[in-house]
């Protein structure tokens, strides 16, 4: 299993680069227009104030020229007008910067069919995630939420932070990326592979875990790191000992660090990749885009995530 097979082909990458160049040219044009708009707008205000000040000099007392009461009012109004003129001049650049992320991500992930991006929205699939996979939490935060179709399967991917807030101490239940997808073959019940807890918590998980019984994969390294639980042991055991064990072994190499988690429930499958990294971090809006530095790493991360999700969704088929 390799993520390389999920990378877009050269023609697609060439299209992405072309769209990036067009978008960069658009940003440069807006920035250039701002360079002349600011002095033009401010210069216009200054000239208007100067002309009015000269007119006021004709009606002002000789000793109060430039400093009469009408002059003072004029300067105050001129200052306020200059303030608004400046923000009007830079408004196109601010609007472009505000839409930077929303415009760039669809370009970067243009190889994903029906690609849709939101921030802060709760994905519909999250409601089907078995709570036993992540544990107790009372606060949900979603950052980037991307959905689409790639290599023949629909998916929802979201950067997620789950926390359990208390009066004296807040604890992080899960932080990382969750990928939701339809299983190639539905599982009759619920099956989860989550991080192993201590013996006491494991006992109470068995007692109050909603009928989920613990299984073993037979792979010592995996059984030490994971708890496998299901409400359909007979159907789950062959998967845990076979394809799920193989997938988790590959995952250990693909995603070093905190173990990934897997959940299967009916037609829904979930891959949870704990990580503190912002997978879709973009350069500052004023930084010129560079494909190698800014875009290629994001495409590679997405390809690896989708390759992993593709592997997991085939468990049981």
C-alpha atoms as a PDB file:
ATOM      1  CA  UNK A   1       0.000   0.000   0.000  1.00  0.00           C
ATOM      2  CA  UNK A   2       1.459   3.368  -1.042  1.00  0.00           C
ATOM      3  CA  UNK A   3       0.194   6.942  -0.982  1.00  0.00           C
ATOM      4  CA  UNK A   4       2.108   7.609  -4.197  1.00  0.00           C
ATOM      5  CA  UNK A   5      -0.671   5.968  -6.203  1.00  0.00           C
ATOM      6  CA  UNK A   6      -3.119   8.530  -4.868  1.00  0.00           C
ATOM      7  CA  UNK A   7      -1.065  11.541  -5.975  1.00  0.00           C
ATOM      8  CA  UNK A   8      -2.619  13.391  -8.921  1.00  0.00           C
ATOM      9  CA  UNK A   9      -1.025  12.729 -12.302  1.00  0.00           C
ATOM     10  CA  UNK A  10       1.304  15.164 -14.071  1.00  0.00           C
ATOM     11  CA  UNK A  11      -1.469  16.641 -16.215  1.00  0.00           C
ATOM     12  CA  UNK A  12      -3.570  17.411 -13.132  1.00  0.00           C
ATOM     13  CA  UNK A  13      -0.584  18.929 -11.321  1.00  0.00           C
ATOM     14  CA  UNK A  14       0.149  21.071 -14.387  1.00  0.00           C
ATOM     15  CA  UNK A  15      -3.455  22.319 -14.253  1.00  0.00           C
ATOM     16  CA  UNK A  16      -3.115  23.152 -10.555  1.00  0.00           C
ATOM     17  CA  UNK A  17       0.105  25.092 -11.225  1.00  0.00           C
ATOM     18  CA  UNK A  18      -1.583  27.006 -14.046  1.00  0.00           C
ATOM     19  CA  UNK A  19      -4.529  27.946 -11.809  1.00  0.00           C
ATOM     20  CA  UNK A  20      -2.101  29.003  -9.061  1.00  0.00           C
ATOM     21  CA  UNK A  21      -0.227  31.237 -11.482  1.00  0.00           C
ATOM     22  CA  UNK A  22      -3.490  32.859 -12.593  1.00  0.00           C
ATOM     23  CA  UNK A  23      -4.560  33.386  -8.996  1.00  0.00           C
ATOM     24  CA  UNK A  24      -1.141  34.814  -8.073  1.00  0.00           C
ATOM     25  CA  UNK A  25      -1.353  37.220 -11.030  1.00  0.00           C
ATOM     26  CA  UNK A  26      -4.784  38.330  -9.816  1.00  0.00           C
ATOM     27  CA  UNK A  27      -3.416  38.962  -6.307  1.00  0.00           C
ATOM     28  CA  UNK A  28      -0.446  40.900  -7.726  1.00  0.00           C
ATOM     29  CA  UNK A  29      -2.773  43.066  -9.816  1.00  0.00           C
ATOM     30  CA  UNK A  30      -4.900  43.898  -6.770  1.00  0.00           C
ATOM     31  CA  UNK A  31      -1.791  44.683  -4.727  1.00  0.00           C
ATOM     32  CA  UNK A  32      -0.418  46.899  -7.510  1.00  0.00           C
ATOM     33  CA  UNK A  33      -3.711  48.758  -7.835  1.00  0.00           C
ATOM     34  CA  UNK A  34      -3.631  49.423  -4.090  1.00  0.00           C
ATOM     35  CA  UNK A  35      -0.167  50.977  -4.415  1.00  0.00           C
ATOM     36  CA  UNK A  36      -1.525  53.791  -6.595  1.00  0.00           C
ATOM     37  CA  UNK A  37      -5.030  53.951  -5.118  1.00  0.00           C
ATOM     38  CA  UNK A  38      -3.780  54.906  -1.635  1.00  0.00           C
ATOM     39  CA  UNK A  39      -1.747  57.995  -2.673  1.00  0.00           C
ATOM     40  CA  UNK A  40      -4.412  58.951  -5.236  1.00  0.00           C
ATOM     41  CA  UNK A  41      -7.251  58.855  -2.703  1.00  0.00           C
ATOM     42  CA  UNK A  42      -5.267  60.519   0.081  1.00  0.00           C
ATOM     43  CA  UNK A  43      -3.836  63.043  -2.361  1.00  0.00           C
ATOM     44  CA  UNK A  44      -7.345  63.941  -3.490  1.00  0.00           C
ATOM     45  CA  UNK A  45      -8.423  64.618   0.100  1.00  0.00           C
ATOM     46  CA  UNK A  46      -5.316  66.734   0.780  1.00  0.00           C
ATOM     47  CA  UNK A  47      -5.840  68.818  -2.371  1.00  0.00           C
ATOM     48  CA  UNK A  48      -9.516  69.376  -1.513  1.00  0.00           C
ATOM     49  CA  UNK A  49      -8.640  70.475   2.032  1.00  0.00           C
ATOM     50  CA  UNK A  50      -5.913  72.808   0.732  1.00  0.00           C
ATOM     51  CA  UNK A  51      -8.236  74.445  -1.836  1.00  0.00           C
ATOM     52  CA  UNK A  52     -10.966  74.975   0.778  1.00  0.00           C
ATOM     53  CA  UNK A  53      -8.404  76.352   3.250  1.00  0.00           C
ATOM     54  CA  UNK A  54      -7.286  78.932   0.666  1.00  0.00           C
ATOM     55  CA  UNK A  55     -10.911  79.919   0.066  1.00  0.00           C
ATOM     56  CA  UNK A  56     -11.433  80.293   3.838  1.00  0.00           C
ATOM     57  CA  UNK A  57      -8.382  82.592   3.930  1.00  0.00           C
ATOM     58  CA  UNK A  58     -10.265  85.159   1.822  1.00  0.00           C
ATOM     59  CA  UNK A  59     -12.991  85.477   4.447  1.00  0.00           C
ATOM     60  CA  UNK A  60     -10.861  84.966   7.541  1.00  0.00           C
ATOM     61  CA  UNK A  61      -9.276  87.710   9.589  1.00  0.00           C
ATOM     62  CA  UNK A  62      -5.694  88.408   8.525  1.00  0.00           C
ATOM     63  CA  UNK A  63      -4.446  87.260  11.925  1.00  0.00           C
ATOM     64  CA  UNK A  64      -6.475  84.033  11.747  1.00  0.00           C
ATOM     65  CA  UNK A  65      -5.553  82.806   8.294  1.00  0.00           C
ATOM     66  CA  UNK A  66      -5.012  79.010   8.283  1.00  0.00           C
ATOM     67  CA  UNK A  67      -6.096  78.933  11.934  1.00  0.00           C
ATOM     68  CA  UNK A  68      -9.642  80.305  12.005  1.00  0.00           C
ATOM     69  CA  UNK A  69     -12.510  78.303  13.434  1.00  0.00           C
ATOM     70  CA  UNK A  70     -13.716  77.222   9.950  1.00  0.00           C
ATOM     71  CA  UNK A  71     -10.146  76.127   9.197  1.00  0.00           C
ATOM     72  CA  UNK A  72     -10.041  73.958  12.318  1.00  0.00           C
ATOM     73  CA  UNK A  73     -13.354  72.331  11.426  1.00  0.00           C
ATOM     74  CA  UNK A  74     -12.026  71.787   7.902  1.00  0.00           C
ATOM     75  CA  UNK A  75      -8.898  70.048   9.190  1.00  0.00           C
ATOM     76  CA  UNK A  76     -10.934  67.770  11.443  1.00  0.00           C
ATOM     77  CA  UNK A  77     -13.281  66.842   8.591  1.00  0.00           C
ATOM     78  CA  UNK A  78     -10.271  66.404   6.304  1.00  0.00           C
ATOM     79  CA  UNK A  79      -8.607  64.029   8.764  1.00  0.00           C
ATOM     80  CA  UNK A  80     -11.772  61.933   9.023  1.00  0.00           C
ATOM     81  CA  UNK A  81     -12.156  61.953   5.232  1.00  0.00           C
ATOM     82  CA  UNK A  82      -8.526  60.818   4.815  1.00  0.00           C
ATOM     83  CA  UNK A  83      -9.163  57.956   7.231  1.00  0.00           C
ATOM     84  CA  UNK A  84     -12.148  56.726   5.200  1.00  0.00           C
ATOM     85  CA  UNK A  85     -10.348  57.325   1.895  1.00  0.00           C
ATOM     86  CA  UNK A  86      -7.446  55.125   2.991  1.00  0.00           C
ATOM     87  CA  UNK A  87      -9.686  52.208   3.968  1.00  0.00           C
ATOM     88  CA  UNK A  88     -11.669  52.582   0.755  1.00  0.00           C
ATOM     89  CA  UNK A  89      -8.419  52.442  -1.220  1.00  0.00           C
ATOM     90  CA  UNK A  90      -7.225  49.244   0.468  1.00  0.00           C
ATOM     91  CA  UNK A  91     -10.655  47.561   0.545  1.00  0.00           C
ATOM     92  CA  UNK A  92     -10.037  45.399  -2.573  1.00  0.00           C
ATOM     93  CA  UNK A  93      -6.783  44.086  -1.076  1.00  0.00           C
ATOM     94  CA  UNK A  94      -8.461  43.346   2.274  1.00  0.00           C
ATOM     95  CA  UNK A  95     -11.315  41.535   0.505  1.00  0.00           C
ATOM     96  CA  UNK A  96      -8.788  39.485  -1.476  1.00  0.00           C
ATOM     97  CA  UNK A  97      -6.889  38.597   1.710  1.00  0.00           C
ATOM     98  CA  UNK A  98     -10.112  37.622   3.482  1.00  0.00           C
ATOM     99  CA  UNK A  99     -11.057  35.227   0.671  1.00  0.00           C
ATOM    100  CA  UNK A 100      -7.489  33.924   0.312  1.00  0.00           C
ATOM    101  CA  UNK A 101      -8.147  30.568   1.981  1.00  0.00           C
ATOM    102  CA  UNK A 102     -11.539  29.994   0.386  1.00  0.00           C
ATOM    103  CA  UNK A 103     -10.141  30.604  -3.099  1.00  0.00           C
ATOM    104  CA  UNK A 104      -6.802  28.827  -2.705  1.00  0.00           C
ATOM    105  CA  UNK A 105      -7.856  25.497  -1.184  1.00  0.00           C
ATOM    106  CA  UNK A 106     -10.212  24.585  -4.063  1.00  0.00           C
ATOM    107  CA  UNK A 107      -7.290  25.262  -6.428  1.00  0.00           C
ATOM    108  CA  UNK A 108      -4.822  23.195  -4.383  1.00  0.00           C
ATOM    109  CA  UNK A 109      -7.249  20.284  -4.110  1.00  0.00           C
ATOM    110  CA  UNK A 110      -8.622  20.667  -7.608  1.00  0.00           C
ATOM    111  CA  UNK A 111      -7.910  16.977  -8.220  1.00  0.00           C
ATOM    112  CA  UNK A 112     -10.780  16.124  -5.836  1.00  0.00           C
ATOM    113  CA  UNK A 113     -14.144  15.861  -7.584  1.00  0.00           C
ATOM    114  CA  UNK A 114     -17.035  17.924  -6.174  1.00  0.00           C
ATOM    115  CA  UNK A 115     -14.596  19.442  -3.705  1.00  0.00           C
ATOM    116  CA  UNK A 116     -16.300  21.571  -1.043  1.00  0.00           C
ATOM    117  CA  UNK A 117     -14.598  23.541   1.728  1.00  0.00           C
ATOM    118  CA  UNK A 118     -16.027  25.139   4.867  1.00  0.00           C
ATOM    119  CA  UNK A 119     -14.661  26.341   8.179  1.00  0.00           C
ATOM    120  CA  UNK A 120     -16.355  25.810  11.511  1.00  0.00           C
ATOM    121  CA  UNK A 121     -19.270  23.754  10.157  1.00  0.00           C
ATOM    122  CA  UNK A 122     -20.192  20.453  11.804  1.00  0.00           C
ATOM    123  CA  UNK A 123     -19.998  17.670   9.176  1.00  0.00           C
ATOM    124  CA  UNK A 124     -23.139  15.505   8.854  1.00  0.00           C
ATOM    125  CA  UNK A 125     -21.065  12.334   9.266  1.00  0.00           C
ATOM    126  CA  UNK A 126     -19.822  13.341  12.715  1.00  0.00           C
ATOM    127  CA  UNK A 127     -23.167  12.358  14.235  1.00  0.00           C
ATOM    128  CA  UNK A 128     -22.492   8.726  13.225  1.00  0.00           C
ATOM    129  CA  UNK A 129     -19.068   8.524  14.888  1.00  0.00           C
ATOM    130  CA  UNK A 130     -19.255   6.047  17.793  1.00  0.00           C
ATOM    131  CA  UNK A 131     -18.520   7.963  20.996  1.00  0.00           C
ATOM    132  CA  UNK A 132     -16.393   5.073  22.269  1.00  0.00           C
ATOM    133  CA  UNK A 133     -13.842   5.929  19.584  1.00  0.00           C
ATOM    134  CA  UNK A 134     -12.988   9.312  21.107  1.00  0.00           C
ATOM    135  CA  UNK A 135     -14.308   9.121  24.675  1.00  0.00           C
ATOM    136  CA  UNK A 136     -16.207  11.754  26.634  1.00  0.00           C
ATOM    137  CA  UNK A 137     -16.160  15.386  25.503  1.00  0.00           C
ATOM    138  CA  UNK A 138     -18.392  18.417  25.919  1.00  0.00           C
ATOM    139  CA  UNK A 139     -16.843  20.841  23.431  1.00  0.00           C
ATOM    140  CA  UNK A 140     -16.433  20.320  19.695  1.00  0.00           C
ATOM    141  CA  UNK A 141     -14.311  22.584  17.477  1.00  0.00           C
ATOM    142  CA  UNK A 142     -14.107  22.065  13.708  1.00  0.00           C
ATOM    143  CA  UNK A 143     -11.537  24.008  11.691  1.00  0.00           C
ATOM    144  CA  UNK A 144     -11.237  23.103   7.999  1.00  0.00           C
ATOM    145  CA  UNK A 145     -13.935  20.781   6.647  1.00  0.00           C
ATOM    146  CA  UNK A 146     -13.337  19.324   3.184  1.00  0.00           C
ATOM    147  CA  UNK A 147     -15.622  16.941   1.346  1.00  0.00           C
ATOM    148  CA  UNK A 148     -15.559  15.440  -2.125  1.00  0.00           C
ATOM    149  CA  UNK A 149     -14.934  12.329  -4.183  1.00  0.00           C
ATOM    150  CA  UNK A 150     -11.571  10.853  -5.051  1.00  0.00           C
ATOM    151  CA  UNK A 151     -10.667   7.583  -6.713  1.00  0.00           C
ATOM    152  CA  UNK A 152     -14.264   6.437  -6.634  1.00  0.00           C
ATOM    153  CA  UNK A 153     -15.292   7.095  -3.026  1.00  0.00           C
ATOM    154  CA  UNK A 154     -16.966   9.991  -1.253  1.00  0.00           C
ATOM    155  CA  UNK A 155     -15.386  11.328   1.912  1.00  0.00           C
ATOM    156  CA  UNK A 156     -15.626  14.051   4.538  1.00  0.00           C
ATOM    157  CA  UNK A 157     -12.417  15.222   6.175  1.00  0.00           C
ATOM    158  CA  UNK A 158     -12.300  17.624   9.098  1.00  0.00           C
ATOM    159  CA  UNK A 159      -9.689  19.002  11.463  1.00  0.00           C
ATOM    160  CA  UNK A 160     -11.204  18.387  14.878  1.00  0.00           C
ATOM    161  CA  UNK A 161     -10.557  19.318  18.492  1.00  0.00           C
ATOM    162  CA  UNK A 162     -12.607  17.564  21.182  1.00  0.00           C
ATOM    163  CA  UNK A 163     -12.187  18.673  24.783  1.00  0.00           C
ATOM    164  CA  UNK A 164     -13.723  17.789  28.116  1.00  0.00           C
ATOM    165  CA  UNK A 165     -14.157  21.076  29.973  1.00  0.00           C
ATOM    166  CA  UNK A 166     -14.396  21.150  33.741  1.00  0.00           C
ATOM    167  CA  UNK A 167     -14.305  23.887  36.362  1.00  0.00           C
ATOM    168  CA  UNK A 168     -10.656  23.384  37.281  1.00  0.00           C
ATOM    169  CA  UNK A 169      -9.153  21.445  34.404  1.00  0.00           C
ATOM    170  CA  UNK A 170      -9.753  21.011  30.669  1.00  0.00           C
ATOM    171  CA  UNK A 171      -8.488  17.877  28.950  1.00  0.00           C
ATOM    172  CA  UNK A 172      -8.083  17.169  25.238  1.00  0.00           C
ATOM    173  CA  UNK A 173     -10.009  14.080  24.176  1.00  0.00           C
ATOM    174  CA  UNK A 174      -8.935  14.174  20.541  1.00  0.00           C
ATOM    175  CA  UNK A 175      -7.013  16.552  18.299  1.00  0.00           C
ATOM    176  CA  UNK A 176      -6.296  15.797  14.683  1.00  0.00           C
ATOM    177  CA  UNK A 177      -7.972  14.807  11.423  1.00  0.00           C
ATOM    178  CA  UNK A 178     -11.125  12.709  11.121  1.00  0.00           C
ATOM    179  CA  UNK A 179     -11.982  11.144   7.762  1.00  0.00           C
ATOM    180  CA  UNK A 180     -15.482   9.755   7.250  1.00  0.00           C
ATOM    181  CA  UNK A 181     -16.470   7.551   4.312  1.00  0.00           C
ATOM    182  CA  UNK A 182     -18.836   4.820   3.249  1.00  0.00           C
ATOM    183  CA  UNK A 183     -17.597   1.283   3.843  1.00  0.00           C
ATOM    184  CA  UNK A 184     -17.240  -0.896   0.770  1.00  0.00           C
ATOM    185  CA  UNK A 185     -19.094  -3.608   2.699  1.00  0.00           C
ATOM    186  CA  UNK A 186     -21.322  -2.584   5.643  1.00  0.00           C
ATOM    187  CA  UNK A 187     -20.528  -3.978   9.073  1.00  0.00           C
ATOM    188  CA  UNK A 188     -23.447  -5.412  11.033  1.00  0.00           C
ATOM    189  CA  UNK A 189     -22.900  -3.500  14.254  1.00  0.00           C
ATOM    190  CA  UNK A 190     -20.082  -1.369  15.658  1.00  0.00           C
ATOM    191  CA  UNK A 191     -16.371  -2.121  15.647  1.00  0.00           C
ATOM    192  CA  UNK A 192     -13.735   0.257  16.991  1.00  0.00           C
ATOM    193  CA  UNK A 193      -9.971   0.220  17.369  1.00  0.00           C
ATOM    194  CA  UNK A 194      -8.914   2.877  19.838  1.00  0.00           C
ATOM    195  CA  UNK A 195      -5.955   3.630  22.079  1.00  0.00           C
ATOM    196  CA  UNK A 196      -5.592   1.161  24.946  1.00  0.00           C
ATOM    197  CA  UNK A 197      -6.459   2.556  28.355  1.00  0.00           C
ATOM    198  CA  UNK A 198      -5.351   1.214  31.722  1.00  0.00           C
ATOM    199  CA  UNK A 199      -6.878  -1.913  33.233  1.00  0.00           C
ATOM    200  CA  UNK A 200      -9.357  -0.066  35.470  1.00  0.00           C
ATOM    201  CA  UNK A 201     -10.714   2.051  32.620  1.00  0.00           C
ATOM    202  CA  UNK A 202     -10.838  -1.015  30.423  1.00  0.00           C
ATOM    203  CA  UNK A 203     -12.968  -2.822  33.013  1.00  0.00           C
ATOM    204  CA  UNK A 204     -15.444   0.042  33.213  1.00  0.00           C
ATOM    205  CA  UNK A 205     -15.424   0.333  29.429  1.00  0.00           C
ATOM    206  CA  UNK A 206     -16.500  -3.297  29.310  1.00  0.00           C
ATOM    207  CA  UNK A 207     -19.127  -2.696  31.993  1.00  0.00           C
ATOM    208  CA  UNK A 208     -20.619   0.545  30.656  1.00  0.00           C
ATOM    209  CA  UNK A 209     -19.445   0.529  27.048  1.00  0.00           C
ATOM    210  CA  UNK A 210     -22.874   0.041  25.544  1.00  0.00           C
ATOM    211  CA  UNK A 211     -22.444  -3.698  24.952  1.00  0.00           C
ATOM    212  CA  UNK A 212     -19.045  -3.420  23.246  1.00  0.00           C
ATOM    213  CA  UNK A 213     -16.903  -6.458  24.062  1.00  0.00           C
ATOM    214  CA  UNK A 214     -13.124  -6.529  23.800  1.00  0.00           C
ATOM    215  CA  UNK A 215     -11.340  -8.617  21.182  1.00  0.00           C
ATOM    216  CA  UNK A 216      -7.698  -9.422  20.463  1.00  0.00           C
ATOM    217  CA  UNK A 217      -5.922  -9.244  17.128  1.00  0.00           C
ATOM    218  CA  UNK A 218      -3.328 -11.849  17.987  1.00  0.00           C
ATOM    219  CA  UNK A 219      -0.559  -9.380  17.083  1.00  0.00           C
ATOM    220  CA  UNK A 220       1.196  -8.613  20.347  1.00  0.00           C
ATOM    221  CA  UNK A 221       2.366  -5.136  19.377  1.00  0.00           C
ATOM    222  CA  UNK A 222      -1.130  -4.106  18.283  1.00  0.00           C
ATOM    223  CA  UNK A 223      -2.866  -5.655  21.298  1.00  0.00           C
ATOM    224  CA  UNK A 224      -0.566  -3.681  23.596  1.00  0.00           C
ATOM    225  CA  UNK A 225      -1.366  -0.398  21.828  1.00  0.00           C
ATOM    226  CA  UNK A 226      -5.047  -0.869  20.938  1.00  0.00           C
ATOM    227  CA  UNK A 227      -8.375  -1.840  22.388  1.00  0.00           C
ATOM    228  CA  UNK A 228     -10.584  -3.597  19.842  1.00  0.00           C
ATOM    229  CA  UNK A 229     -14.270  -3.545  20.807  1.00  0.00           C
ATOM    230  CA  UNK A 230     -17.456  -4.628  19.087  1.00  0.00           C
ATOM    231  CA  UNK A 231     -21.085  -5.472  19.732  1.00  0.00           C
ATOM    232  CA  UNK A 232     -20.846  -8.197  17.084  1.00  0.00           C
ATOM    233  CA  UNK A 233     -17.844 -10.277  18.143  1.00  0.00           C
ATOM    234  CA  UNK A 234     -18.431 -13.115  15.695  1.00  0.00           C
ATOM    235  CA  UNK A 235     -18.374 -10.798  12.675  1.00  0.00           C
ATOM    236  CA  UNK A 236     -15.625  -8.569  14.093  1.00  0.00           C
ATOM    237  CA  UNK A 237     -13.040 -11.178  15.081  1.00  0.00           C
ATOM    238  CA  UNK A 238     -11.961 -12.160  11.533  1.00  0.00           C
ATOM    239  CA  UNK A 239     -11.601  -8.483  10.617  1.00  0.00           C
ATOM    240  CA  UNK A 240      -9.605  -7.619  13.743  1.00  0.00           C
ATOM    241  CA  UNK A 241      -7.256 -10.579  13.190  1.00  0.00           C
ATOM    242  CA  UNK A 242      -6.931  -9.932   9.461  1.00  0.00           C
ATOM    243  CA  UNK A 243      -7.499  -6.766   7.435  1.00  0.00           C
ATOM    244  CA  UNK A 244      -7.768  -4.380  10.397  1.00  0.00           C
ATOM    245  CA  UNK A 245      -4.503  -5.659  11.880  1.00  0.00           C
ATOM    246  CA  UNK A 246      -2.827  -5.211   8.479  1.00  0.00           C
ATOM    247  CA  UNK A 247      -4.214  -1.691   8.090  1.00  0.00           C
ATOM    248  CA  UNK A 248      -3.077  -0.637  11.570  1.00  0.00           C
ATOM    249  CA  UNK A 249       0.384  -2.088  10.962  1.00  0.00           C
ATOM    250  CA  UNK A 250       0.673  -0.006   7.790  1.00  0.00           C
ATOM    251  CA  UNK A 251      -0.718   3.032   9.603  1.00  0.00           C
ATOM    252  CA  UNK A 252       2.004   2.774  12.229  1.00  0.00           C
ATOM    253  CA  UNK A 253       4.588   3.333   9.504  1.00  0.00           C
ATOM    254  CA  UNK A 254       2.613   5.966   7.576  1.00  0.00           C
ATOM    255  CA  UNK A 255       1.627   8.048  10.628  1.00  0.00           C
ATOM    256  CA  UNK A 256       4.291   7.804  13.339  1.00  0.00           C
ATOM    257  CA  UNK A 257       3.380   9.194  16.729  1.00  0.00           C
ATOM    258  CA  UNK A 258       0.102   8.712  18.563  1.00  0.00           C
ATOM    259  CA  UNK A 259      -1.718   5.659  17.145  1.00  0.00           C
ATOM    260  CA  UNK A 260      -4.471   6.207  14.606  1.00  0.00           C
ATOM    261  CA  UNK A 261      -8.000   5.022  15.426  1.00  0.00           C
ATOM    262  CA  UNK A 262     -10.602   3.247  13.320  1.00  0.00           C
ATOM    263  CA  UNK A 263     -14.364   2.952  13.705  1.00  0.00           C
ATOM    264  CA  UNK A 264     -16.929   1.000  11.676  1.00  0.00           C
ATOM    265  CA  UNK A 265     -20.668   1.269  12.218  1.00  0.00           C
ATOM    266  CA  UNK A 266     -23.166   0.020   9.670  1.00  0.00           C
ATOM    267  CA  UNK A 267     -22.293   1.660   6.365  1.00  0.00           C
ATOM    268  CA  UNK A 268     -20.116   4.341   7.982  1.00  0.00           C
ATOM    269  CA  UNK A 269     -16.355   4.137   8.374  1.00  0.00           C
ATOM    270  CA  UNK A 270     -14.051   6.529  10.227  1.00  0.00           C
ATOM    271  CA  UNK A 271     -10.308   7.053  10.312  1.00  0.00           C
ATOM    272  CA  UNK A 272      -8.969   9.249  13.119  1.00  0.00           C
ATOM    273  CA  UNK A 273      -5.421  10.563  12.813  1.00  0.00           C
ATOM    274  CA  UNK A 274      -4.301  12.298  16.016  1.00  0.00           C
ATOM    275  CA  UNK A 275      -1.941  15.171  15.254  1.00  0.00           C
ATOM    276  CA  UNK A 276      -1.297  18.758  16.334  1.00  0.00           C
ATOM    277  CA  UNK A 277      -0.131  19.788  12.865  1.00  0.00           C
ATOM    278  CA  UNK A 278      -2.271  22.130  10.780  1.00  0.00           C
ATOM    279  CA  UNK A 279      -2.432  20.099   7.569  1.00  0.00           C
ATOM    280  CA  UNK A 280      -3.875  22.993   5.585  1.00  0.00           C
ATOM    281  CA  UNK A 281      -1.708  25.820   6.871  1.00  0.00           C
ATOM    282  CA  UNK A 282      -1.260  28.512   4.238  1.00  0.00           C
ATOM    283  CA  UNK A 283       1.351  31.263   3.975  1.00  0.00           C
ATOM    284  CA  UNK A 284       0.434  34.791   4.982  1.00  0.00           C
ATOM    285  CA  UNK A 285      -1.806  36.495   2.459  1.00  0.00           C
ATOM    286  CA  UNK A 286       1.027  38.840   1.440  1.00  0.00           C
ATOM    287  CA  UNK A 287       3.505  36.021   0.716  1.00  0.00           C
ATOM    288  CA  UNK A 288       3.990  34.997  -2.921  1.00  0.00           C
ATOM    289  CA  UNK A 289       2.798  31.429  -3.471  1.00  0.00           C
ATOM    290  CA  UNK A 290       5.395  28.772  -4.202  1.00  0.00           C
ATOM    291  CA  UNK A 291       4.233  25.366  -5.415  1.00  0.00           C
ATOM    292  CA  UNK A 292       7.103  23.373  -3.918  1.00  0.00           C
ATOM    293  CA  UNK A 293       7.101  25.133  -0.554  1.00  0.00           C
ATOM    294  CA  UNK A 294       3.401  25.820   0.038  1.00  0.00           C
ATOM    295  CA  UNK A 295       1.279  23.548  -2.149  1.00  0.00           C
ATOM    296  CA  UNK A 296       3.042  20.263  -2.833  1.00  0.00           C
ATOM    297  CA  UNK A 297       3.281  19.324   0.910  1.00  0.00           C
ATOM    298  CA  UNK A 298      -0.479  19.815   1.321  1.00  0.00           C
ATOM    299  CA  UNK A 299      -1.230  17.681  -1.731  1.00  0.00           C
ATOM    300  CA  UNK A 300       1.107  14.957  -0.429  1.00  0.00           C
ATOM    301  CA  UNK A 301      -0.572  15.012   3.012  1.00  0.00           C
ATOM    302  CA  UNK A 302      -4.021  14.808   1.437  1.00  0.00           C
ATOM    303  CA  UNK A 303      -2.920  11.954  -0.847  1.00  0.00           C
ATOM    304  CA  UNK A 304      -1.575   9.993   2.125  1.00  0.00           C
ATOM    305  CA  UNK A 305      -4.754  10.566   4.130  1.00  0.00           C
ATOM    306  CA  UNK A 306      -6.960   9.474   1.230  1.00  0.00           C
ATOM    307  CA  UNK A 307      -4.782   6.428   0.544  1.00  0.00           C
ATOM    308  CA  UNK A 308      -5.137   5.421   4.181  1.00  0.00           C
ATOM    309  CA  UNK A 309      -8.906   5.994   4.156  1.00  0.00           C
ATOM    310  CA  UNK A 310      -9.171   3.913   0.975  1.00  0.00           C
ATOM    311  CA  UNK A 311      -7.378   1.059   2.714  1.00  0.00           C
ATOM    312  CA  UNK A 312      -9.608   1.233   5.797  1.00  0.00           C
ATOM    313  CA  UNK A 313     -12.881   1.402   3.834  1.00  0.00           C
ATOM    314  CA  UNK A 314     -12.056  -1.944   2.190  1.00  0.00           C
ATOM    315  CA  UNK A 315     -11.882  -3.790   5.518  1.00  0.00           C
ATOM    316  CA  UNK A 316     -14.364  -6.635   5.375  1.00  0.00           C
ATOM    317  CA  UNK A 317     -14.846  -6.561   1.611  1.00  0.00           C
END
